[in-house]
Structures are given as C-alpha cells and as structure tokens.
C-alpha atoms as a PDB file:
ATOM      1  CA  MET A   1       0.000   0.000   0.000  1.00  0.00           C
ATOM      2  CA  MET A   2       2.786   2.403   0.923  1.00  0.00           C
ATOM      3  CA  ASN A   3       6.489   1.567   0.825  1.00  0.00           C
ATOM      4  CA  GLU A   4       8.988   2.802   3.373  1.00  0.00           C
ATOM      5  CA  SER A   5      10.670   5.304   1.054  1.00  0.00           C
ATOM      6  CA  ALA A   6       7.340   6.894   0.201  1.00  0.00           C
ATOM      7  CA  ALA A   7       6.426   7.070   3.876  1.00  0.00           C
ATOM      8  CA  SER A   8       9.803   8.640   4.595  1.00  0.00           C
ATOM      9  CA  GLU A   9       9.167  11.278   1.954  1.00  0.00           C
ATOM     10  CA  SER A  10       5.787  12.159   3.482  1.00  0.00           C
ATOM     11  CA  SER A  11       7.221  12.293   6.991  1.00  0.00           C
ATOM     12  CA  SER A  12      10.239  14.388   6.026  1.00  0.00           C
ATOM     13  CA  SER A  13       8.114  16.914   4.157  1.00  0.00           C
ATOM     14  CA  LYS A  14       6.164  17.491   7.354  1.00  0.00           C
ATOM     15  CA  SER A  15       9.273  18.022   9.452  1.00  0.00           C
ATOM     16  CA  LYS A  16      10.638  20.590   7.023  1.00  0.00           C
ATOM     17  CA  MET A  17       7.443  22.617   7.033  1.00  0.00           C
ATOM     18  CA  ILE A  18       6.547  22.722  10.692  1.00  0.00           C
ATOM     19  CA  PRO A  19       8.490  22.579  13.990  1.00  0.00           C
ATOM     20  CA  THR A  20       5.734  20.890  16.048  1.00  0.00           C
ATOM     21  CA  GLN A  21       3.382  18.397  14.500  1.00  0.00           C
ATOM     22  CA  PRO A  22      -0.247  19.542  14.407  1.00  0.00           C
ATOM     23  CA  SER A  23      -3.293  17.306  14.659  1.00  0.00           C
ATOM     24  CA  HIS A  24      -3.663  17.440  10.880  1.00  0.00           C
ATOM     25  CA  SER A  25      -1.201  17.263   8.039  1.00  0.00           C
ATOM     26  CA  VAL A  26       0.753  20.493   7.848  1.00  0.00           C
ATOM     27  CA  GLY A  27      -0.365  23.656   6.138  1.00  0.00           C
ATOM     28  CA  PRO A  28       1.130  24.773   2.843  1.00  0.00           C
ATOM     29  CA  SER A  29       3.547  27.323   4.343  1.00  0.00           C
ATOM     30  CA  GLY A  30       4.711  29.128   7.458  1.00  0.00           C
ATOM     31  CA  SER A  31       1.623  31.263   7.953  1.00  0.00           C
ATOM     32  CA  ALA A  32      -0.591  28.192   7.604  1.00  0.00           C
ATOM     33  CA  GLN A  33       1.510  26.536  10.309  1.00  0.00           C
ATOM     34  CA  ASN A  34       0.616  29.348  12.690  1.00  0.00           C
ATOM     35  CA  ILE A  35      -3.036  29.139  11.668  1.00  0.00           C
ATOM     36  CA  LYS A  36      -3.152  25.406  12.319  1.00  0.00           C
ATOM     37  CA  SER A  37      -1.276  25.694  15.608  1.00  0.00           C
ATOM     38  CA  SER A  38      -3.843  28.080  17.068  1.00  0.00           C
ATOM     39  CA  LEU A  39      -6.712  26.018  15.683  1.00  0.00           C
ATOM     40  CA  ASN A  40      -5.294  22.875  17.288  1.00  0.00           C
ATOM     41  CA  ALA A  41      -5.444  24.419  20.750  1.00  0.00           C
ATOM     42  CA  GLU A  42      -9.114  25.291  20.300  1.00  0.00           C
ATOM     43  CA  VAL A  43     -10.023  21.915  18.794  1.00  0.00           C
ATOM     44  CA  ASN A  44      -8.183  19.943  21.478  1.00  0.00           C
ATOM     45  CA  ALA A  45      -9.888  21.910  24.239  1.00  0.00           C
ATOM     46  CA  GLN A  46     -13.303  21.214  22.735  1.00  0.00           C
ATOM     47  CA  ALA A  47     -12.483  17.554  22.162  1.00  0.00           C
ATOM     48  CA  GLN A  48     -11.411  17.060  25.780  1.00  0.00           C
ATOM     49  CA  LEU A  49     -14.763  18.398  26.900  1.00  0.00           C
ATOM     50  CA  HIS A  50     -16.972  16.471  24.487  1.00  0.00           C
ATOM     51  CA  GLU A  51     -15.209  13.305  23.418  1.00  0.00           C
ATOM     52  CA  CYS A  52     -16.729  10.002  24.505  1.00  0.00           C
ATOM     53  CA  THR A  53     -14.681   6.814  24.578  1.00  0.00           C
ATOM     54  CA  LEU A  54     -16.330   4.822  21.803  1.00  0.00           C
ATOM     55  CA  PRO A  55     -15.894   1.087  21.160  1.00  0.00           C
ATOM     56  CA  SER A  56     -12.910   0.433  18.890  1.00  0.00           C
ATOM     57  CA  VAL A  57     -14.723  -1.866  16.477  1.00  0.00           C
ATOM     58  CA  ASP A  58     -14.678  -2.452  12.740  1.00  0.00           C
ATOM     59  CA  CYS A  59     -18.379  -1.807  12.289  1.00  0.00           C
ATOM     60  CA  PRO A  60     -19.640  -1.125   8.740  1.00  0.00           C
ATOM     61  CA  GLU A  61     -18.938   2.314   7.320  1.00  0.00           C
ATOM     62  CA  LYS A  62     -21.244   4.331   5.099  1.00  0.00           C
ATOM     63  CA  ILE A  63     -18.772   6.449   3.170  1.00  0.00           C
ATOM     64  CA  ILE A  64     -19.781   9.395   0.986  1.00  0.00           C
ATOM     65  CA  ILE A  65     -17.027  10.022  -1.550  1.00  0.00           C
ATOM     66  CA  CYS A  66     -17.149  13.677  -2.613  1.00  0.00           C
ATOM     67  CA  LEU A  67     -15.262  14.672  -5.764  1.00  0.00           C
ATOM     68  CA  ASP A  68     -14.452  18.198  -6.926  1.00  0.00           C
ATOM     69  CA  LEU A  69     -15.334  18.669 -10.615  1.00  0.00           C
ATOM     70  CA  SER A  70     -14.146  22.264 -10.918  1.00  0.00           C
ATOM     71  CA  GLN A  71     -12.055  23.354 -13.874  1.00  0.00           C
ATOM     72  CA  GLU A  72      -8.971  23.677 -11.654  1.00  0.00           C
ATOM     73  CA  MET A  73      -8.925  19.893 -11.242  1.00  0.00           C
ATOM     74  CA  ASN A  74      -8.008  19.705 -14.930  1.00  0.00           C
ATOM     75  CA  THR A  75      -5.584  22.599 -15.138  1.00  0.00           C
ATOM     76  CA  THR A  76      -3.449  21.774 -12.086  1.00  0.00           C
ATOM     77  CA  THR A  77      -0.879  19.126 -13.060  1.00  0.00           C
ATOM     78  CA  PHE A  78       1.488  16.924 -11.088  1.00  0.00           C
ATOM     79  CA  ARG A  79       4.596  15.099 -12.266  1.00  0.00           C
ATOM     80  CA  SER A  80       5.539  11.572 -11.210  1.00  0.00           C
ATOM     81  CA  ARG A  81       9.131  10.484 -10.570  1.00  0.00           C
ATOM     82  CA  ALA A  82       9.117   8.913 -14.025  1.00  0.00           C
ATOM     83  CA  GLY A  83       8.271  12.300 -15.526  1.00  0.00           C
ATOM     84  CA  ASP A  84       4.639  11.559 -16.446  1.00  0.00           C
ATOM     85  CA  LYS A  85       2.107  14.338 -15.928  1.00  0.00           C
ATOM     86  CA  TYR A  86      -1.292  13.870 -14.296  1.00  0.00           C
ATOM     87  CA  SER A  87      -4.125  16.281 -13.623  1.00  0.00           C
ATOM     88  CA  GLY A  88      -5.579  16.726 -10.163  1.00  0.00           C
ATOM     89  CA  LEU A  89      -8.711  14.892 -11.317  1.00  0.00           C
ATOM     90  CA  GLU A  90      -6.694  11.907 -12.540  1.00  0.00           C
ATOM     91  CA  LEU A  91      -4.859  11.657  -9.218  1.00  0.00           C
ATOM     92  CA  ALA A  92      -8.051  12.040  -7.209  1.00  0.00           C
ATOM     93  CA  LYS A  93      -9.673   9.255  -9.234  1.00  0.00           C
ATOM     94  CA  ARG A  94      -6.636   7.033  -8.680  1.00  0.00           C
ATOM     95  CA  ALA A  95      -6.768   7.619  -4.932  1.00  0.00           C
ATOM     96  CA  ILE A  96     -10.528   6.972  -4.840  1.00  0.00           C
ATOM     97  CA  LYS A  97     -10.238   3.727  -6.817  1.00  0.00           C
ATOM     98  CA  MET A  98      -7.491   2.480  -4.527  1.00  0.00           C
ATOM     99  CA  PHE A  99      -9.525   3.433  -1.463  1.00  0.00           C
ATOM    100  CA  VAL A 100     -12.785   1.814  -2.600  1.00  0.00           C
ATOM    101  CA  MET A 101     -11.168  -1.423  -3.768  1.00  0.00           C
ATOM    102  CA  HIS A 102      -9.134  -1.939  -0.586  1.00  0.00           C
ATOM    103  CA  LYS A 103     -11.887  -0.767   1.744  1.00  0.00           C
ATOM    104  CA  SER A 104     -14.423  -3.184   0.270  1.00  0.00           C
ATOM    105  CA  GLN A 105     -11.910  -6.021   0.657  1.00  0.00           C
ATOM    106  CA  MET A 106     -11.395  -5.133   4.321  1.00  0.00           C
ATOM    107  CA  ASN A 107     -15.106  -5.412   5.040  1.00  0.00           C
ATOM    108  CA  PRO A 108     -17.650  -6.308   2.324  1.00  0.00           C
ATOM    109  CA  LYS A 109     -20.360  -4.675   4.450  1.00  0.00           C
ATOM    110  CA  HIS A 110     -18.931  -1.200   3.898  1.00  0.00           C
ATOM    111  CA  GLN A 111     -21.164   0.942   1.687  1.00  0.00           C
ATOM    112  CA  PHE A 112     -20.212   3.800  -0.606  1.00  0.00           C
ATOM    113  CA  ALA A 113     -22.116   6.737  -2.051  1.00  0.00           C
ATOM    114  CA  PHE A 114     -20.806   9.187  -4.642  1.00  0.00           C
ATOM    115  CA  LEU A 115     -21.293  12.955  -4.611  1.00  0.00           C
ATOM    116  CA  VAL A 116     -19.855  15.541  -7.021  1.00  0.00           C
ATOM    117  CA  PHE A 117     -19.650  19.286  -6.573  1.00  0.00           C
ATOM    118  CA  ARG A 118     -18.788  22.520  -8.295  1.00  0.00           C
ATOM    119  CA  GLU A 119     -20.515  25.455  -6.578  1.00  0.00           C
ATOM    120  CA  GLU A 120     -23.152  23.123  -5.130  1.00  0.00           C
ATOM    121  CA  ALA A 121     -23.225  19.415  -4.422  1.00  0.00           C
ATOM    122  CA  THR A 122     -25.186  16.661  -6.189  1.00  0.00           C
ATOM    123  CA  MET A 123     -25.549  13.066  -5.011  1.00  0.00           C
ATOM    124  CA  ILE A 124     -25.259  10.896  -8.114  1.00  0.00           C
ATOM    125  CA  GLN A 125     -24.892   7.424  -6.565  1.00  0.00           C
ATOM    126  CA  SER A 126     -26.769   6.291  -3.452  1.00  0.00           C
ATOM    127  CA  PHE A 127     -25.237   3.910  -0.928  1.00  0.00           C
ATOM    128  CA  THR A 128     -24.200   0.536  -2.252  1.00  0.00           C
ATOM    129  CA  SER A 129     -21.877  -2.228  -1.111  1.00  0.00           C
ATOM    130  CA  ARG A 130     -21.014  -3.024  -4.742  1.00  0.00           C
ATOM    131  CA  ALA A 131     -17.639  -1.362  -5.185  1.00  0.00           C
ATOM    132  CA  GLN A 132     -17.716  -1.795  -8.959  1.00  0.00           C
ATOM    133  CA  ASP A 133     -20.825   0.400  -9.188  1.00  0.00           C
ATOM    134  CA  ILE A 134     -18.918   3.248  -7.554  1.00  0.00           C
ATOM    135  CA  LEU A 135     -15.904   2.727  -9.813  1.00  0.00           C
ATOM    136  CA  ASN A 136     -18.116   2.764 -12.917  1.00  0.00           C
ATOM    137  CA  THR A 137     -19.775   5.994 -11.785  1.00  0.00           C
ATOM    138  CA  LEU A 138     -16.348   7.469 -11.049  1.00  0.00           C
ATOM    139  CA  ASP A 139     -15.105   6.671 -14.564  1.00  0.00           C
ATOM    140  CA  GLU A 140     -18.115   8.455 -16.039  1.00  0.00           C
ATOM    141  CA  SER A 141     -17.487  11.647 -14.057  1.00  0.00           C
ATOM    142  CA  GLU A 142     -16.121  14.355 -16.325  1.00  0.00           C
ATOM    143  CA  ILE A 143     -15.338  18.039 -15.893  1.00  0.00           C
ATOM    144  CA  GLU A 144     -17.431  20.463 -17.921  1.00  0.00           C
ATOM    145  CA  PRO A 145     -15.451  23.225 -19.672  1.00  0.00           C
ATOM    146  CA  GLN A 146     -16.748  26.025 -17.462  1.00  0.00           C
ATOM    147  CA  GLU A 147     -15.462  28.055 -14.570  1.00  0.00           C
ATOM    148  CA  SER A 148     -16.901  27.322 -11.127  1.00  0.00           C
ATOM    149  CA  ASP A 149     -17.686  29.718  -8.325  1.00  0.00           C
ATOM    150  CA  SER A 150     -16.679  28.947  -4.748  1.00  0.00           C
ATOM    151  CA  LEU A 151     -17.943  25.729  -3.182  1.00  0.00           C
ATOM    152  CA  ASN A 152     -20.944  26.371  -0.945  1.00  0.00           C
ATOM    153  CA  LEU A 153     -20.172  24.226   2.105  1.00  0.00           C
ATOM    154  CA  THR A 154     -23.554  25.000   3.656  1.00  0.00           C
ATOM    155  CA  HIS A 155     -25.344  23.444   0.679  1.00  0.00           C
ATOM    156  CA  PHE A 156     -22.745  20.659   0.650  1.00  0.00           C
ATOM    157  CA  PHE A 157     -23.668  19.505   4.174  1.00  0.00           C
ATOM    158  CA  GLU A 158     -27.377  20.042   3.491  1.00  0.00           C
ATOM    159  CA  THR A 159     -27.106  17.608   0.580  1.00  0.00           C
ATOM    160  CA  ILE A 160     -25.363  15.083   2.808  1.00  0.00           C
ATOM    161  CA  LYS A 161     -27.992  15.425   5.534  1.00  0.00           C
ATOM    162  CA  GLU A 162     -30.747  14.753   2.992  1.00  0.00           C
ATOM    163  CA  ASN A 163     -29.103  11.466   2.027  1.00  0.00           C
ATOM    164  CA  VAL A 164     -28.042   9.962   5.366  1.00  0.00           C
ATOM    165  CA  GLU A 165     -29.661   8.672   8.513  1.00  0.00           C
ATOM    166  CA  LEU A 166     -27.534   9.070  11.612  1.00  0.00           C
ATOM    167  CA  PRO A 167     -26.984   5.764  13.451  1.00  0.00           C
ATOM    168  CA  GLU A 168     -28.392   5.161  16.899  1.00  0.00           C
ATOM    169  CA  THR A 169     -27.337   2.776  19.641  1.00  0.00           C
ATOM    170  CA  GLN A 170     -29.317   1.178  22.435  1.00  0.00           C
ATOM    171  CA  GLY A 171     -27.636   1.618  25.775  1.00  0.00           C
ATOM    172  CA  ASP A 172     -24.303   3.143  26.726  1.00  0.00           C
ATOM    173  CA  PRO A 173     -22.406   4.329  23.583  1.00  0.00           C
ATOM    174  CA  GLN A 174     -19.123   3.667  25.401  1.00  0.00           C
ATOM    175  CA  VAL A 175     -20.035  -0.030  25.470  1.00  0.00           C
ATOM    176  CA  MET A 176     -22.449  -0.733  22.618  1.00  0.00           C
ATOM    177  CA  PRO A 177     -21.032  -0.403  19.086  1.00  0.00           C
ATOM    178  CA  PRO A 178     -23.121   1.436  16.489  1.00  0.00           C
ATOM    179  CA  PRO A 179     -24.736  -0.474  13.602  1.00  0.00           C
ATOM    180  CA  TYR A 180     -22.621   1.670  11.263  1.00  0.00           C
ATOM    181  CA  ILE A 181     -20.812   5.007  11.094  1.00  0.00           C
ATOM    182  CA  ILE A 182     -21.016   7.740   8.470  1.00  0.00           C
ATOM    183  CA  ARG A 183     -17.894   9.233   6.939  1.00  0.00           C
ATOM    184  CA  VAL A 184     -17.619  12.085   4.456  1.00  0.00           C
ATOM    185  CA  LEU A 185     -14.487  11.816   2.313  1.00  0.00           C
ATOM    186  CA  LEU A 186     -13.877  15.123   0.532  1.00  0.00           C
ATOM    187  CA  PHE A 187     -11.452  15.386  -2.413  1.00  0.00           C
ATOM    188  CA  PHE A 188     -10.865  19.081  -3.147  1.00  0.00           C
ATOM    189  CA  GLY A 189      -8.562  20.414  -5.859  1.00  0.00           C
ATOM    190  CA  ARG A 190      -8.700  24.209  -6.068  1.00  0.00           C
ATOM    191  CA  SER A 191      -5.911  26.657  -5.330  1.00  0.00           C
ATOM    192  CA  HIS A 192      -7.662  29.936  -6.151  1.00  0.00           C
ATOM    193  CA  SER A 193     -11.254  29.506  -4.987  1.00  0.00           C
ATOM    194  CA  VAL A 194     -11.971  29.558  -1.240  1.00  0.00           C
ATOM    195  CA  PRO A 195     -15.005  27.531  -0.059  1.00  0.00           C
ATOM    196  CA  ILE A 196     -17.808  29.517   1.550  1.00  0.00           C
ATOM    197  CA  ASN A 197     -19.244  28.292   4.844  1.00  0.00           C
ATOM    198  CA  SER A 198     -21.896  30.858   5.735  1.00  0.00           C
ATOM    199  CA  CYS A 199     -23.813  28.641   8.161  1.00  0.00           C
ATOM    200  CA  GLN A 200     -22.531  25.641  10.123  1.00  0.00           C
ATOM    201  CA  LYS A 201     -25.896  24.678  11.625  1.00  0.00           C
ATOM    202  CA  VAL A 202     -26.427  21.591   9.470  1.00  0.00           C
ATOM    203  CA  GLN A 203     -22.862  20.382   9.940  1.00  0.00           C
ATOM    204  CA  ARG A 204     -23.245  20.783  13.711  1.00  0.00           C
ATOM    205  CA  GLU A 205     -26.469  18.763  13.569  1.00  0.00           C
ATOM    206  CA  LEU A 206     -24.657  15.943  11.789  1.00  0.00           C
ATOM    207  CA  GLU A 207     -21.803  16.150  14.291  1.00  0.00           C
ATOM    208  CA  SER A 208     -24.259  15.768  17.167  1.00  0.00           C
ATOM    209  CA  SER A 209     -23.723  12.069  16.488  1.00  0.00           C
ATOM    210  CA  PRO A 210     -20.308  10.769  17.615  1.00  0.00           C
ATOM    211  CA  TYR A 211     -20.493   8.418  14.621  1.00  0.00           C
ATOM    212  CA  PHE A 212     -20.226  11.144  11.950  1.00  0.00           C
ATOM    213  CA  PHE A 213     -16.759  11.955  10.563  1.00  0.00           C
ATOM    214  CA  THR A 214     -15.402  14.318   7.906  1.00  0.00           C
ATOM    215  CA  ASP A 215     -12.017  13.660   6.234  1.00  0.00           C
ATOM    216  CA  VAL A 216     -10.358  15.824   3.585  1.00  0.00           C
ATOM    217  CA  LEU A 217      -7.688  15.264   0.939  1.00  0.00           C
ATOM    218  CA  TYR A 218      -6.791  18.704  -0.398  1.00  0.00           C
ATOM    219  CA  ILE A 219      -4.823  18.579  -3.674  1.00  0.00           C
ATOM    220  CA  HIS A 220      -3.289  21.913  -4.677  1.00  0.00           C
ATOM    221  CA  GLU A 221      -0.557  23.616  -6.662  1.00  0.00           C
ATOM    222  CA  PRO A 222       2.584  24.780  -4.813  1.00  0.00           C
ATOM    223  CA  PRO A 223       1.581  27.630  -2.460  1.00  0.00           C
ATOM    224  CA  SER A 224       2.545  31.124  -3.514  1.00  0.00           C
ATOM    225  CA  GLU A 225       1.389  34.719  -3.221  1.00  0.00           C
ATOM    226  CA  GLU A 226      -0.591  34.171  -6.432  1.00  0.00           C
ATOM    227  CA  ASN A 227      -2.921  31.530  -4.988  1.00  0.00           C
ATOM    228  CA  LYS A 228      -5.054  31.010  -1.883  1.00  0.00           C
ATOM    229  CA  CYS A 229      -3.873  27.596  -0.676  1.00  0.00           C
ATOM    230  CA  GLU A 230      -3.317  28.733   2.911  1.00  0.00           C
ATOM    231  CA  GLU A 231      -6.746  30.332   3.191  1.00  0.00           C
ATOM    232  CA  ILE A 232      -8.411  27.249   1.716  1.00  0.00           C
ATOM    233  CA  PHE A 233      -6.521  24.962   4.080  1.00  0.00           C
ATOM    234  CA  LYS A 234      -7.703  27.008   7.062  1.00  0.00           C
ATOM    235  CA  VAL A 235     -11.327  26.604   5.956  1.00  0.00           C
ATOM    236  CA  PHE A 236     -10.951  22.807   5.990  1.00  0.00           C
ATOM    237  CA  CYS A 237      -9.213  22.857   9.368  1.00  0.00           C
ATOM    238  CA  ASP A 238     -12.150  24.859  10.710  1.00  0.00           C
ATOM    239  CA  LEU A 239     -14.465  21.980   9.739  1.00  0.00           C
ATOM    240  CA  ASP A 240     -12.874  19.761  12.391  1.00  0.00           C
ATOM    241  CA  HIS A 241     -14.795  20.788  15.487  1.00  0.00           C
ATOM    242  CA  ASN A 242     -14.124  17.602  17.464  1.00  0.00           C
ATOM    243  CA  GLY A 243     -10.493  16.903  16.599  1.00  0.00           C
ATOM    244  CA  MET A 244     -11.404  13.541  15.013  1.00  0.00           C
ATOM    245  CA  SER A 245     -10.923  14.349  11.315  1.00  0.00           C
ATOM    246  CA  TYR A 246      -8.001  13.405   9.091  1.00  0.00           C
ATOM    247  CA  ILE A 247      -7.149  16.405   6.901  1.00  0.00           C
ATOM    248  CA  PHE A 248      -4.310  16.078   4.407  1.00  0.00           C
ATOM    249  CA  GLU A 249      -2.971  18.627   1.955  1.00  0.00           C
ATOM    250  CA  GLN A 250      -0.420  17.818  -0.723  1.00  0.00           C
ATOM    251  CA  SER A 251       1.026  19.234  -3.919  1.00  0.00           C
ATOM    252  CA  LYS A 252       3.184  16.229  -4.904  1.00  0.00           C
ATOM    253  CA  TYR A 253       2.275  13.127  -6.902  1.00  0.00           C
ATOM    254  CA  THR A 254       3.558  10.414  -4.517  1.00  0.00           C
ATOM    255  CA  THR A 255       2.272  11.905  -1.281  1.00  0.00           C
ATOM    256  CA  ILE A 256      -1.211  12.414  -2.728  1.00  0.00           C
ATOM    257  CA  LEU A 257      -1.539   8.661  -3.244  1.00  0.00           C
ATOM    258  CA  ASN A 258       0.117   7.887   0.106  1.00  0.00           C
ATOM    259  CA  ASN A 259      -2.325  10.105   1.955  1.00  0.00           C
ATOM    260  CA  GLY A 260      -5.192   8.445   0.125  1.00  0.00           C
ATOM    261  CA  ALA A 261      -3.961   5.151   1.581  1.00  0.00           C
ATOM    262  CA  LYS A 262      -3.823   6.617   5.101  1.00  0.00           C
ATOM    263  CA  LEU A 263      -7.554   7.272   4.894  1.00  0.00           C
ATOM    264  CA  LEU A 264      -8.235   3.525   4.832  1.00  0.00           C
ATOM    265  CA  ALA A 265      -8.067   3.313   8.634  1.00  0.00           C
ATOM    266  CA  HIS A 266     -11.434   2.966  10.372  1.00  0.00           C
ATOM    267  CA  PRO A 267     -12.364   6.193  12.245  1.00  0.00           C
ATOM    268  CA  LEU A 268     -13.266   4.204  15.377  1.00  0.00           C
ATOM    269  CA  GLN A 269      -9.933   2.357  15.337  1.00  0.00           C
ATOM    270  CA  ARG A 270      -7.431   4.967  14.196  1.00  0.00           C
ATOM    271  CA  PRO A 271      -5.620   7.367  16.551  1.00  0.00           C
ATOM    272  CA  ARG A 272      -5.953  11.100  16.305  1.00  0.00           C
ATOM    273  CA  GLN A 273      -3.962  12.376  13.345  1.00  0.00           C
ATOM    274  CA  LEU A 274      -1.473  13.950  15.758  1.00  0.00           C
ATOM    275  CA  ASP A 275      -0.704  10.502  17.190  1.00  0.00           C
ATOM    276  CA  ALA A 276      -0.503   8.578  13.887  1.00  0.00           C
ATOM    277  CA  VAL A 277       2.908   7.117  12.919  1.00  0.00           C
ATOM    278  CA  TYR A 278       3.631   5.805   9.412  1.00  0.00           C
ATOM    279  CA  LYS A 279       7.441   5.521   9.309  1.00  0.00           C
ATOM    280  CA  ILE A 280       9.001   2.269  10.507  1.00  0.00           C
ATOM    281  CA  GLY A 281      11.211   2.926  13.525  1.00  0.00           C
ATOM    282  CA  SER A 282       9.616   6.237  14.447  1.00  0.00           C
ATOM    283  CA  PRO A 283       8.986   6.824  18.154  1.00  0.00           C
ATOM    284  CA  ILE A 284       5.332   6.338  19.015  1.00  0.00           C
ATOM    285  CA  PRO A 285       3.758   9.557  20.341  1.00  0.00           C
ATOM    286  CA  THR A 286       2.127   9.400  23.750  1.00  0.00           C
ATOM    287  CA  PRO A 287      -1.563  10.151  23.233  1.00  0.00           C
ATOM    288  CA  THR A 288      -3.033  12.891  25.385  1.00  0.00           C
ATOM    289  CA  PRO A 289      -5.352  11.303  27.979  1.00  0.00           C
ATOM    290  CA  GLN A 290      -8.964  12.201  27.368  1.00  0.00           C
ATOM    291  CA  PRO A 291     -11.521  12.499  30.186  1.00  0.00           C
ATOM    292  CA  PRO A 292     -14.607  10.276  30.070  1.00  0.00           C
ATOM    293  CA  CYS A 293     -17.682  11.815  28.498  1.00  0.00           C
ATOM    294  CA  PRO A 294     -20.078  13.149  31.148  1.00  0.00           C
ATOM    295  CA  ALA A 295     -23.389  11.303  31.224  1.00  0.00           C
ATOM    296  CA  GLU A 296     -25.368  14.406  30.317  1.00  0.00           C
ATOM    297  CA  GLU A 297     -23.320  14.877  27.114  1.00  0.00           C
ATOM    298  CA  ARG A 298     -23.658  11.338  25.800  1.00  0.00           C
ATOM    299  CA  VAL A 299     -25.581  10.763  22.587  1.00  0.00           C
ATOM    300  CA  TYR A 300     -27.780   7.658  22.602  1.00  0.00           C
END
C-alpha cells in the first residue's frame, strides 16, 4: 500500500514545514503553520470536553465520496518520478479507486455513495456495497469546460444530511457499538477559490452524532502569493470541530496517493492524526489522555 521510502518522503516533508506536528497534516507554508497551531489548541480543548470513549470496532462504514469537478482539477498538473504528468482529477480518481477497492476487501459490508460538486453538491450514486458500481460511476465523471464559483459548504452539508440517517445505539455508547458510522471523504482540488461556509448549523447537527466523521484530501498547486492555498486549508481545518478528522494537503504526486492510503483506517480504530505514525522505527507519540464523556453529554 505504501512503501517505506514513500512514507519517509511524506514524513520528512512534514518536518521541514513545521516545527511541532499539528493534529492534521501540515499547512502549505509558514503562515498556515501558525493558523493550524492556534486552531489545534481550540479543537483539542473542545475535544477534551466532548469526546466520549467509543468502542474500537470495525463496524460497517457508510462512506460518501465527494469529488471536486471544478475546472482547476483539470488545469493543475502533477509530475511523477518517471516524468509523467497527471491532472488533479486523474490523481483524485486514482486515490478513490485504490480506497474503494481496498476498503471493500477489508469489510464487504462497507457501503459507498458518490457525490460531485462545483458550486453546489449533487448526489449521483446512493449507498451501495457493490464497489464496482462506484468505480463505474467514477469513470463516467467528467469536468465540464466552465469556470466554477466557490464551493458552498452550507449546501454541501445540506445535501449530505438529505441522504443519510444518523446511526443510533441502544444503551451506553461507550459499550455498545453502532450499527454503522457515516464518513464524508472530501477530495478538493482548487488553489484559487476559497469555499464559503456561511452557516454551520447543518454540519453541527450531523456532528451531534459521535459516529459522523469528515475527512479531507486537499490537492493543490505549490503555495505562492498568487494563490489562496493557505486560506483554503484554514477553511478545511475549521471543519474539524471535534479533533477527530483526518485532513491532508499535498502538492506532490507520490504523497497524494500515500495520503489516500492513510484514509483507509477505520475512524473508530485509528488514533488522532497527531498521534498517527507511518514511518518504521519512528517513536510512538504518547496520546493525550482524554476524560470520560459526562453522562449528560452522551448521545444515545
């Protein structure tokens, strides 16, 4: 899935960009490092207050794969070590295919849905456990030759809410596993268009369930004064209210695919992103102890 040299490359790129590892993959440049550092403190404080210790089980996942079909996904290119060029859309599709194929092999009960977005989101494939159906729909997804306005994240989460039913458990959620969890997997590929999140009410409603997760793989061109990569990255970091998301950003061919592989881990079984280790021989971070969830804050 990921060889040691590739893992080394991903790990070393982080150490060059940031002095202290944040809870997410590092921001595109120094100012983004400062942004993420301050956000981490707020997120960790909230997580310590609200996190419940959930059963670490491989229950079925209902995964909504969300693909950016903006024009930038075609115009931003990445070069492999062999010198071949790929568009952001081609790399995103590669990462999605790898994810769906391996995830369905891990547990055939996992289900996948497929959503595409430009300014607004559209669900084009409802939940199915047939991985090939998702791959066929993915192959048919093409970018229209038109410019897109900023992604409306409010409408994005409204579309998700209309197509999911939050799981419920009987009894203590710290003991009883859920019948399934819901995970949003967002592949975003713009460097000049900042998503708009005018209202977080719907997202907060979805997050009222401890079994709802949002992960992001942000594919972008090298950060510069001519683009808005740092501002975009901050918007995605702001989506992680509970400190449980995996948010990766990359502008290199190899690490884009590597980070796609890191998303295979089950949200109920993976550590926080801050505590994740991918390089063989790396010291294992000591996770920050979390207090038990007060009874009045538990979601049943």
